Full PDB file with SEQRES, HELIX, SHEET, SSBOND, CRYST1, ORIGX, SCALE, CONECT and MASTER records, all heavy atoms in Angstrom:
SEQRES   1 A   33  GLY GLY SER LEU ARG ILE SER CYS VAL ALA SER GLU SER          
SEQRES   2 A   33  ILE ARG ARG ILE ARG THR MET GLY TRP PHE ARG GLN ALA          
SEQRES   3 A   33  PRO GLY LYS GLN ARG GLU TRP                                  
CRYST1    1.000    1.000    1.000  90.00  90.00  90.00 P 1           1          
ORIGX1      1.000000  0.000000  0.000000        0.00000                         
ORIGX2      0.000000  1.000000  0.000000        0.00000                         
ORIGX3      0.000000  0.000000  1.000000        0.00000                         
SCALE1      1.000000  0.000000  0.000000        0.00000                         
SCALE2      0.000000  1.000000  0.000000        0.00000                         
SCALE3      0.000000  0.000000  1.000000        0.00000                         
ATOM      1  N   GLY A   1     -17.861   0.410  13.173  1.00  0.00           N  
ATOM      2  CA  GLY A   1     -17.219   0.990  12.012  1.00  0.00           C  
ATOM      3  C   GLY A   1     -16.002   1.816  12.345  1.00  0.00           C  
ATOM      4  O   GLY A   1     -15.228   2.171  11.439  1.00  0.00           O  
ATOM      5  N   GLY A   2     -15.822   2.106  13.605  1.00  0.00           N  
ATOM      6  CA  GLY A   2     -14.704   2.908  14.032  1.00  0.00           C  
ATOM      7  C   GLY A   2     -13.446   2.102  14.262  1.00  0.00           C  
ATOM      8  O   GLY A   2     -13.397   0.898  14.013  1.00  0.00           O  
ATOM      9  N   SER A   3     -12.432   2.779  14.772  1.00  0.00           N  
ATOM     10  CA  SER A   3     -11.133   2.170  15.003  1.00  0.00           C  
ATOM     11  C   SER A   3     -10.644   2.442  16.414  1.00  0.00           C  
ATOM     12  O   SER A   3     -11.027   3.426  17.046  1.00  0.00           O  
ATOM     13  CB  SER A   3     -10.100   2.712  14.010  1.00  0.00           C  
ATOM     14  OG  SER A   3     -10.440   2.391  12.676  1.00  0.00           O  
ATOM     15  N   LEU A   4      -9.788   1.566  16.871  1.00  0.00           N  
ATOM     16  CA  LEU A   4      -9.199   1.697  18.189  1.00  0.00           C  
ATOM     17  C   LEU A   4      -7.846   0.997  18.175  1.00  0.00           C  
ATOM     18  O   LEU A   4      -7.690  -0.036  17.516  1.00  0.00           O  
ATOM     19  CB  LEU A   4     -10.109   1.080  19.243  1.00  0.00           C  
ATOM     20  CG  LEU A   4      -9.916   1.473  20.708  1.00  0.00           C  
ATOM     21  CD1 LEU A   4     -10.207   2.958  20.908  1.00  0.00           C  
ATOM     22  CD2 LEU A   4     -10.841   0.639  21.590  1.00  0.00           C  
ATOM     23  N   ARG A   5      -6.904   1.548  18.892  1.00  0.00           N  
ATOM     24  CA  ARG A   5      -5.587   0.933  19.018  1.00  0.00           C  
ATOM     25  C   ARG A   5      -5.318   0.672  20.490  1.00  0.00           C  
ATOM     26  O   ARG A   5      -5.350   1.592  21.301  1.00  0.00           O  
ATOM     27  CB  ARG A   5      -4.504   1.844  18.439  1.00  0.00           C  
ATOM     28  CG  ARG A   5      -3.106   1.221  18.429  1.00  0.00           C  
ATOM     29  CD  ARG A   5      -2.099   2.177  17.792  1.00  0.00           C  
ATOM     30  NE  ARG A   5      -0.757   1.624  17.739  1.00  0.00           N  
ATOM     31  CZ  ARG A   5      -0.283   0.887  16.751  1.00  0.00           C  
ATOM     32  NH1 ARG A   5      -1.050   0.596  15.703  1.00  0.00           N  
ATOM     33  NH2 ARG A   5       0.963   0.429  16.787  1.00  0.00           N  
ATOM     34  N   ILE A   6      -5.060  -0.581  20.810  1.00  0.00           N  
ATOM     35  CA  ILE A   6      -4.724  -0.944  22.174  1.00  0.00           C  
ATOM     36  C   ILE A   6      -3.272  -1.394  22.227  1.00  0.00           C  
ATOM     37  O   ILE A   6      -2.721  -1.892  21.246  1.00  0.00           O  
ATOM     38  CB  ILE A   6      -5.659  -2.037  22.744  1.00  0.00           C  
ATOM     39  CG1 ILE A   6      -5.676  -3.283  21.857  1.00  0.00           C  
ATOM     40  CG2 ILE A   6      -7.073  -1.481  22.901  1.00  0.00           C  
ATOM     41  CD1 ILE A   6      -6.504  -4.423  22.423  1.00  0.00           C  
ATOM     42  N   SER A   7      -2.666  -1.210  23.384  1.00  0.00           N  
ATOM     43  CA  SER A   7      -1.256  -1.511  23.527  1.00  0.00           C  
ATOM     44  C   SER A   7      -0.998  -2.322  24.784  1.00  0.00           C  
ATOM     45  O   SER A   7      -1.797  -2.324  25.718  1.00  0.00           O  
ATOM     46  CB  SER A   7      -0.436  -0.220  23.572  1.00  0.00           C  
ATOM     47  OG  SER A   7      -0.558   0.514  22.376  1.00  0.00           O  
ATOM     48  N   CYS A   8       0.126  -2.989  24.779  1.00  0.00           N  
ATOM     49  CA  CYS A   8       0.567  -3.799  25.902  1.00  0.00           C  
ATOM     50  C   CYS A   8       2.025  -3.474  26.150  1.00  0.00           C  
ATOM     51  O   CYS A   8       2.871  -3.643  25.258  1.00  0.00           O  
ATOM     52  CB  CYS A   8       0.381  -5.284  25.567  1.00  0.00           C  
ATOM     53  SG  CYS A   8       1.187  -6.435  26.684  1.00  0.00           S  
ATOM     54  N   VAL A   9       2.322  -3.003  27.345  1.00  0.00           N  
ATOM     55  CA  VAL A   9       3.686  -2.649  27.709  1.00  0.00           C  
ATOM     56  C   VAL A   9       4.240  -3.681  28.678  1.00  0.00           C  
ATOM     57  O   VAL A   9       3.594  -4.008  29.678  1.00  0.00           O  
ATOM     58  CB  VAL A   9       3.750  -1.241  28.331  1.00  0.00           C  
ATOM     59  CG1 VAL A   9       5.182  -0.910  28.740  1.00  0.00           C  
ATOM     60  CG2 VAL A   9       3.231  -0.205  27.348  1.00  0.00           C  
ATOM     61  N   ALA A  10       5.410  -4.178  28.373  1.00  0.00           N  
ATOM     62  CA  ALA A  10       6.064  -5.174  29.208  1.00  0.00           C  
ATOM     63  C   ALA A  10       7.033  -4.521  30.175  1.00  0.00           C  
ATOM     64  O   ALA A  10       7.616  -3.474  29.888  1.00  0.00           O  
ATOM     65  CB  ALA A  10       6.797  -6.197  28.352  1.00  0.00           C  
ATOM     66  N   SER A  11       7.222  -5.151  31.313  1.00  0.00           N  
ATOM     67  CA  SER A  11       8.094  -4.615  32.347  1.00  0.00           C  
ATOM     68  C   SER A  11       9.571  -4.845  32.069  1.00  0.00           C  
ATOM     69  O   SER A  11      10.420  -4.266  32.745  1.00  0.00           O  
ATOM     70  CB  SER A  11       7.734  -5.236  33.700  1.00  0.00           C  
ATOM     71  OG  SER A  11       7.919  -6.639  33.667  1.00  0.00           O  
ATOM     72  N   GLU A  12       9.873  -5.679  31.102  1.00  0.00           N  
ATOM     73  CA  GLU A  12      11.242  -5.958  30.738  1.00  0.00           C  
ATOM     74  C   GLU A  12      11.307  -6.265  29.252  1.00  0.00           C  
ATOM     75  O   GLU A  12      10.285  -6.314  28.574  1.00  0.00           O  
ATOM     76  CB  GLU A  12      11.812  -7.119  31.564  1.00  0.00           C  
ATOM     77  CG  GLU A  12      11.063  -8.427  31.391  1.00  0.00           C  
ATOM     78  CD  GLU A  12      11.531  -9.499  32.351  1.00  0.00           C  
ATOM     79  OE1 GLU A  12      11.461  -9.275  33.570  1.00  0.00           O  
ATOM     80  OE2 GLU A  12      11.982 -10.561  31.867  1.00  0.00           O  
ATOM     81  N   SER A  13      12.495  -6.486  28.759  1.00  0.00           N  
ATOM     82  CA  SER A  13      12.690  -6.715  27.337  1.00  0.00           C  
ATOM     83  C   SER A  13      11.863  -7.887  26.821  1.00  0.00           C  
ATOM     84  O   SER A  13      11.794  -8.940  27.437  1.00  0.00           O  
ATOM     85  CB  SER A  13      14.168  -6.968  27.044  1.00  0.00           C  
ATOM     86  OG  SER A  13      14.365  -7.278  25.677  1.00  0.00           O  
ATOM     87  N   ILE A  14      11.247  -7.683  25.657  1.00  0.00           N  
ATOM     88  CA  ILE A  14      10.523  -8.763  24.992  1.00  0.00           C  
ATOM     89  C   ILE A  14      11.256  -9.227  23.737  1.00  0.00           C  
ATOM     90  O   ILE A  14      10.748 -10.072  23.002  1.00  0.00           O  
ATOM     91  CB  ILE A  14       9.080  -8.354  24.629  1.00  0.00           C  
ATOM     92  CG1 ILE A  14       9.085  -7.186  23.630  1.00  0.00           C  
ATOM     93  CG2 ILE A  14       8.283  -8.003  25.874  1.00  0.00           C  
ATOM     94  CD1 ILE A  14       7.720  -6.912  23.015  1.00  0.00           C  
ATOM     95  N   ARG A  15      12.426  -8.696  23.512  1.00  0.00           N  
ATOM     96  CA  ARG A  15      13.167  -8.993  22.287  1.00  0.00           C  
ATOM     97  C   ARG A  15      13.352 -10.480  22.067  1.00  0.00           C  
ATOM     98  O   ARG A  15      13.286 -10.954  20.929  1.00  0.00           O  
ATOM     99  CB  ARG A  15      14.524  -8.291  22.329  1.00  0.00           C  
ATOM    100  CG  ARG A  15      15.383  -8.510  21.098  1.00  0.00           C  
ATOM    101  CD  ARG A  15      16.656  -7.698  21.163  1.00  0.00           C  
ATOM    102  NE  ARG A  15      17.463  -8.066  22.312  1.00  0.00           N  
ATOM    103  CZ  ARG A  15      18.343  -9.067  22.331  1.00  0.00           C  
ATOM    104  NH1 ARG A  15      18.525  -9.809  21.243  1.00  0.00           N  
ATOM    105  NH2 ARG A  15      19.045  -9.325  23.422  1.00  0.00           N  
ATOM    106  N   ARG A  16      13.592 -11.226  23.134  1.00  0.00           N  
ATOM    107  CA  ARG A  16      13.855 -12.655  23.011  1.00  0.00           C  
ATOM    108  C   ARG A  16      12.621 -13.525  23.214  1.00  0.00           C  
ATOM    109  O   ARG A  16      12.737 -14.746  23.221  1.00  0.00           O  
ATOM    110  CB  ARG A  16      14.959 -13.073  23.973  1.00  0.00           C  
ATOM    111  CG  ARG A  16      16.325 -12.558  23.552  1.00  0.00           C  
ATOM    112  CD  ARG A  16      17.408 -12.947  24.520  1.00  0.00           C  
ATOM    113  NE  ARG A  16      18.727 -12.644  23.988  1.00  0.00           N  
ATOM    114  CZ  ARG A  16      19.856 -12.762  24.654  1.00  0.00           C  
ATOM    115  NH1 ARG A  16      19.839 -13.190  25.906  1.00  0.00           N  
ATOM    116  NH2 ARG A  16      21.007 -12.457  24.077  1.00  0.00           N  
ATOM    117  N   ILE A  17      11.478 -12.901  23.382  1.00  0.00           N  
ATOM    118  CA  ILE A  17      10.243 -13.663  23.439  1.00  0.00           C  
ATOM    119  C   ILE A  17       9.762 -13.864  22.010  1.00  0.00           C  
ATOM    120  O   ILE A  17       9.373 -12.904  21.341  1.00  0.00           O  
ATOM    121  CB  ILE A  17       9.165 -12.958  24.286  1.00  0.00           C  
ATOM    122  CG1 ILE A  17       9.673 -12.764  25.713  1.00  0.00           C  
ATOM    123  CG2 ILE A  17       7.868 -13.763  24.275  1.00  0.00           C  
ATOM    124  CD1 ILE A  17       8.711 -12.006  26.609  1.00  0.00           C  
ATOM    125  N   ARG A  18       9.818 -15.093  21.554  1.00  0.00           N  
ATOM    126  CA  ARG A  18       9.518 -15.400  20.165  1.00  0.00           C  
ATOM    127  C   ARG A  18       8.154 -14.864  19.733  1.00  0.00           C  
ATOM    128  O   ARG A  18       8.033 -14.205  18.700  1.00  0.00           O  
ATOM    129  CB  ARG A  18       9.597 -16.912  19.943  1.00  0.00           C  
ATOM    130  CG  ARG A  18       9.071 -17.396  18.595  1.00  0.00           C  
ATOM    131  CD  ARG A  18       9.948 -16.959  17.457  1.00  0.00           C  
ATOM    132  NE  ARG A  18       9.501 -17.555  16.206  1.00  0.00           N  
ATOM    133  CZ  ARG A  18       9.943 -17.223  15.018  1.00  0.00           C  
ATOM    134  NH1 ARG A  18      10.875 -16.278  14.893  1.00  0.00           N  
ATOM    135  NH2 ARG A  18       9.465 -17.825  13.939  1.00  0.00           N  
ATOM    136  N   THR A  19       7.138 -15.162  20.537  1.00  0.00           N  
ATOM    137  CA  THR A  19       5.784 -14.823  20.136  1.00  0.00           C  
ATOM    138  C   THR A  19       5.052 -14.042  21.219  1.00  0.00           C  
ATOM    139  O   THR A  19       5.066 -14.423  22.393  1.00  0.00           O  
ATOM    140  CB  THR A  19       4.975 -16.092  19.801  1.00  0.00           C  
ATOM    141  OG1 THR A  19       5.678 -16.867  18.822  1.00  0.00           O  
ATOM    142  CG2 THR A  19       3.601 -15.729  19.254  1.00  0.00           C  
ATOM    143  N   MET A  20       4.413 -12.962  20.803  1.00  0.00           N  
ATOM    144  CA  MET A  20       3.504 -12.205  21.637  1.00  0.00           C  
ATOM    145  C   MET A  20       2.133 -12.256  20.977  1.00  0.00           C  
ATOM    146  O   MET A  20       2.029 -12.311  19.751  1.00  0.00           O  
ATOM    147  CB  MET A  20       3.958 -10.759  21.785  1.00  0.00           C  
ATOM    148  CG  MET A  20       5.324 -10.582  22.433  1.00  0.00           C  
ATOM    149  SD  MET A  20       5.317 -10.992  24.196  1.00  0.00           S  
ATOM    150  CE  MET A  20       4.254  -9.692  24.843  1.00  0.00           C  
ATOM    151  N   GLY A  21       1.102 -12.238  21.784  1.00  0.00           N  
ATOM    152  CA  GLY A  21      -0.224 -12.359  21.207  1.00  0.00           C  
ATOM    153  C   GLY A  21      -1.292 -11.565  21.921  1.00  0.00           C  
ATOM    154  O   GLY A  21      -1.077 -11.027  23.013  1.00  0.00           O  
ATOM    155  N   TRP A  22      -2.436 -11.502  21.270  1.00  0.00           N  
ATOM    156  CA  TRP A  22      -3.633 -10.897  21.833  1.00  0.00           C  
ATOM    157  C   TRP A  22      -4.755 -11.932  21.858  1.00  0.00           C  
ATOM    158  O   TRP A  22      -4.938 -12.675  20.878  1.00  0.00           O  
ATOM    159  CB  TRP A  22      -4.102  -9.688  21.029  1.00  0.00           C  
ATOM    160  CG  TRP A  22      -3.296  -8.448  21.240  1.00  0.00           C  
ATOM    161  CD1 TRP A  22      -2.295  -7.965  20.462  1.00  0.00           C  
ATOM    162  CD2 TRP A  22      -3.460  -7.512  22.310  1.00  0.00           C  
ATOM    163  NE1 TRP A  22      -1.811  -6.796  20.966  1.00  0.00           N  
ATOM    164  CE2 TRP A  22      -2.510  -6.484  22.107  1.00  0.00           C  
ATOM    165  CE3 TRP A  22      -4.307  -7.428  23.413  1.00  0.00           C  
ATOM    166  CZ2 TRP A  22      -2.383  -5.396  22.975  1.00  0.00           C  
ATOM    167  CZ3 TRP A  22      -4.179  -6.351  24.272  1.00  0.00           C  
ATOM    168  CH2 TRP A  22      -3.233  -5.358  24.047  1.00  0.00           C  
ATOM    169  N   PHE A  23      -5.466 -11.953  22.960  1.00  0.00           N  
ATOM    170  CA  PHE A  23      -6.654 -12.773  23.119  1.00  0.00           C  
ATOM    171  C   PHE A  23      -7.793 -11.875  23.567  1.00  0.00           C  
ATOM    172  O   PHE A  23      -7.575 -10.740  23.996  1.00  0.00           O  
ATOM    173  CB  PHE A  23      -6.431 -13.877  24.168  1.00  0.00           C  
ATOM    174  CG  PHE A  23      -5.524 -14.989  23.726  1.00  0.00           C  
ATOM    175  CD1 PHE A  23      -4.174 -14.766  23.525  1.00  0.00           C  
ATOM    176  CD2 PHE A  23      -6.020 -16.274  23.540  1.00  0.00           C  
ATOM    177  CE1 PHE A  23      -3.326 -15.782  23.133  1.00  0.00           C  
ATOM    178  CE2 PHE A  23      -5.187 -17.307  23.151  1.00  0.00           C  
ATOM    179  CZ  PHE A  23      -3.842 -17.063  22.946  1.00  0.00           C  
ATOM    180  N   ARG A  24      -9.008 -12.385  23.491  1.00  0.00           N  
ATOM    181  CA  ARG A  24     -10.144 -11.630  23.987  1.00  0.00           C  
ATOM    182  C   ARG A  24     -11.168 -12.572  24.599  1.00  0.00           C  
ATOM    183  O   ARG A  24     -11.223 -13.746  24.266  1.00  0.00           O  
ATOM    184  CB  ARG A  24     -10.787 -10.788  22.883  1.00  0.00           C  
ATOM    185  CG  ARG A  24     -11.470 -11.592  21.789  1.00  0.00           C  
ATOM    186  CD  ARG A  24     -11.933 -10.660  20.675  1.00  0.00           C  
ATOM    187  NE  ARG A  24     -12.627 -11.384  19.624  1.00  0.00           N  
ATOM    188  CZ  ARG A  24     -13.040 -10.826  18.495  1.00  0.00           C  
ATOM    189  NH1 ARG A  24     -12.833  -9.525  18.271  1.00  0.00           N  
ATOM    190  NH2 ARG A  24     -13.671 -11.560  17.589  1.00  0.00           N  
ATOM    191  N   GLN A  25     -11.972 -12.023  25.490  1.00  0.00           N  
ATOM    192  CA  GLN A  25     -13.012 -12.808  26.123  1.00  0.00           C  
ATOM    193  C   GLN A  25     -14.245 -11.944  26.343  1.00  0.00           C  
ATOM    194  O   GLN A  25     -14.175 -10.902  26.995  1.00  0.00           O  
ATOM    195  CB  GLN A  25     -12.538 -13.383  27.458  1.00  0.00           C  
ATOM    196  CG  GLN A  25     -13.532 -14.341  28.093  1.00  0.00           C  
ATOM    197  CD  GLN A  25     -12.923 -15.124  29.239  1.00  0.00           C  
ATOM    198  OE1 GLN A  25     -11.940 -14.703  29.846  1.00  0.00           O  
ATOM    199  NE2 GLN A  25     -13.506 -16.274  29.535  1.00  0.00           N  
ATOM    200  N   ALA A  26     -15.350 -12.392  25.789  1.00  0.00           N  
ATOM    201  CA  ALA A  26     -16.627 -11.729  25.958  1.00  0.00           C  
ATOM    202  C   ALA A  26     -17.454 -12.501  26.978  1.00  0.00           C  
ATOM    203  O   ALA A  26     -17.256 -13.704  27.167  1.00  0.00           O  
ATOM    204  CB  ALA A  26     -17.371 -11.652  24.629  1.00  0.00           C  
ATOM    205  N   PRO A  27     -18.406 -11.841  27.635  1.00  0.00           N  
ATOM    206  CA  PRO A  27     -19.261 -12.541  28.598  1.00  0.00           C  
ATOM    207  C   PRO A  27     -19.942 -13.743  27.967  1.00  0.00           C  
ATOM    208  O   PRO A  27     -20.484 -13.650  26.866  1.00  0.00           O  
ATOM    209  CB  PRO A  27     -20.276 -11.474  29.008  1.00  0.00           C  
ATOM    210  CG  PRO A  27     -19.549 -10.186  28.813  1.00  0.00           C  
ATOM    211  CD  PRO A  27     -18.715 -10.400  27.583  1.00  0.00           C  
ATOM    212  N   GLY A  28     -19.902 -14.871  28.669  1.00  0.00           N  
ATOM    213  CA  GLY A  28     -20.532 -16.073  28.174  1.00  0.00           C  
ATOM    214  C   GLY A  28     -19.726 -16.844  27.148  1.00  0.00           C  
ATOM    215  O   GLY A  28     -20.209 -17.858  26.629  1.00  0.00           O  
ATOM    216  N   LYS A  29     -18.536 -16.396  26.844  1.00  0.00           N  
ATOM    217  CA  LYS A  29     -17.692 -17.060  25.862  1.00  0.00           C  
ATOM    218  C   LYS A  29     -16.333 -17.381  26.470  1.00  0.00           C  
ATOM    219  O   LYS A  29     -15.899 -16.749  27.435  1.00  0.00           O  
ATOM    220  CB  LYS A  29     -17.505 -16.187  24.626  1.00  0.00           C  
ATOM    221  CG  LYS A  29     -18.786 -15.869  23.882  1.00  0.00           C  
ATOM    222  CD  LYS A  29     -18.522 -14.993  22.675  1.00  0.00           C  
ATOM    223  CE  LYS A  29     -17.682 -15.705  21.633  1.00  0.00           C  
ATOM    224  NZ  LYS A  29     -17.456 -14.863  20.427  1.00  0.00           N  
ATOM    225  N   GLN A  30     -15.679 -18.370  25.897  1.00  0.00           N  
ATOM    226  CA  GLN A  30     -14.323 -18.693  26.309  1.00  0.00           C  
ATOM    227  C   GLN A  30     -13.352 -17.673  25.736  1.00  0.00           C  
ATOM    228  O   GLN A  30     -13.634 -17.008  24.738  1.00  0.00           O  
ATOM    229  CB  GLN A  30     -13.928 -20.090  25.823  1.00  0.00           C  
ATOM    230  CG  GLN A  30     -14.639 -21.232  26.508  1.00  0.00           C  
ATOM    231  CD  GLN A  30     -13.979 -22.559  26.212  1.00  0.00           C  
ATOM    232  OE1 GLN A  30     -12.976 -22.914  26.848  1.00  0.00           O  
ATOM    233  NE2 GLN A  30     -14.522 -23.275  25.252  1.00  0.00           N  
ATOM    234  N   ARG A  31     -12.220 -17.563  26.385  1.00  0.00           N  
ATOM    235  CA  ARG A  31     -11.182 -16.704  25.856  1.00  0.00           C  
ATOM    236  C   ARG A  31     -10.715 -17.256  24.510  1.00  0.00           C  
ATOM    237  O   ARG A  31     -10.476 -18.457  24.372  1.00  0.00           O  
ATOM    238  CB  ARG A  31     -10.009 -16.624  26.835  1.00  0.00           C  
ATOM    239  CG  ARG A  31      -8.942 -15.631  26.433  1.00  0.00           C  
ATOM    240  CD  ARG A  31      -7.935 -15.412  27.557  1.00  0.00           C  
ATOM    241  NE  ARG A  31      -8.558 -14.842  28.736  1.00  0.00           N  
ATOM    242  CZ  ARG A  31      -7.889 -14.402  29.801  1.00  0.00           C  
ATOM    243  NH1 ARG A  31      -6.560 -14.473  29.820  1.00  0.00           N  
ATOM    244  NH2 ARG A  31      -8.542 -13.907  30.839  1.00  0.00           N  
ATOM    245  N   GLU A  32     -10.607 -16.391  23.540  1.00  0.00           N  
ATOM    246  CA  GLU A  32     -10.221 -16.828  22.211  1.00  0.00           C  
ATOM    247  C   GLU A  32      -8.997 -16.068  21.717  1.00  0.00           C  
ATOM    248  O   GLU A  32      -8.802 -14.894  22.024  1.00  0.00           O  
ATOM    249  CB  GLU A  32     -11.375 -16.655  21.214  1.00  0.00           C  
ATOM    250  CG  GLU A  32     -11.796 -15.211  20.983  1.00  0.00           C  
ATOM    251  CD  GLU A  32     -12.839 -15.065  19.896  1.00  0.00           C  
ATOM    252  OE1 GLU A  32     -13.031 -16.007  19.104  1.00  0.00           O  
ATOM    253  OE2 GLU A  32     -13.473 -13.990  19.835  1.00  0.00           O  
ATOM    254  N   TRP A  33      -8.209 -16.742  20.940  1.00  0.00           N  
ATOM    255  CA  TRP A  33      -7.040 -16.152  20.338  1.00  0.00           C  
ATOM    256  C   TRP A  33      -7.447 -15.185  19.236  1.00  0.00           C  
ATOM    257  O   TRP A  33      -8.343 -15.470  18.444  1.00  0.00           O  
ATOM    258  CB  TRP A  33      -6.146 -17.259  19.767  1.00  0.00           C  
ATOM    259  CG  TRP A  33      -5.030 -16.770  18.911  1.00  0.00           C  
ATOM    260  CD1 TRP A  33      -3.891 -16.146  19.321  1.00  0.00           C  
ATOM    261  CD2 TRP A  33      -4.943 -16.889  17.492  1.00  0.00           C  
ATOM    262  NE1 TRP A  33      -3.089 -15.852  18.240  1.00  0.00           N  
ATOM    263  CE2 TRP A  33      -3.711 -16.306  17.108  1.00  0.00           C  
ATOM    264  CE3 TRP A  33      -5.773 -17.430  16.514  1.00  0.00           C  
ATOM    265  CZ2 TRP A  33      -3.298 -16.250  15.786  1.00  0.00           C  
ATOM    266  CZ3 TRP A  33      -5.365 -17.383  15.196  1.00  0.00           C  
ATOM    267  CH2 TRP A  33      -4.148 -16.796  14.838  1.00  0.00           C  
TER     268      TRP A  33                                                      
MASTER        0    0    0    0    0    0    0    6  267    1    0    3          
END                                                                             
């Protein structure tokens, strides 16, 4: 029921990277978008 904010910092400009995304993977499961 709570909230959390996670972040991803890039080492260089991401301005020209069309798409950025988040995936997750739990034990026993494939990585999912």
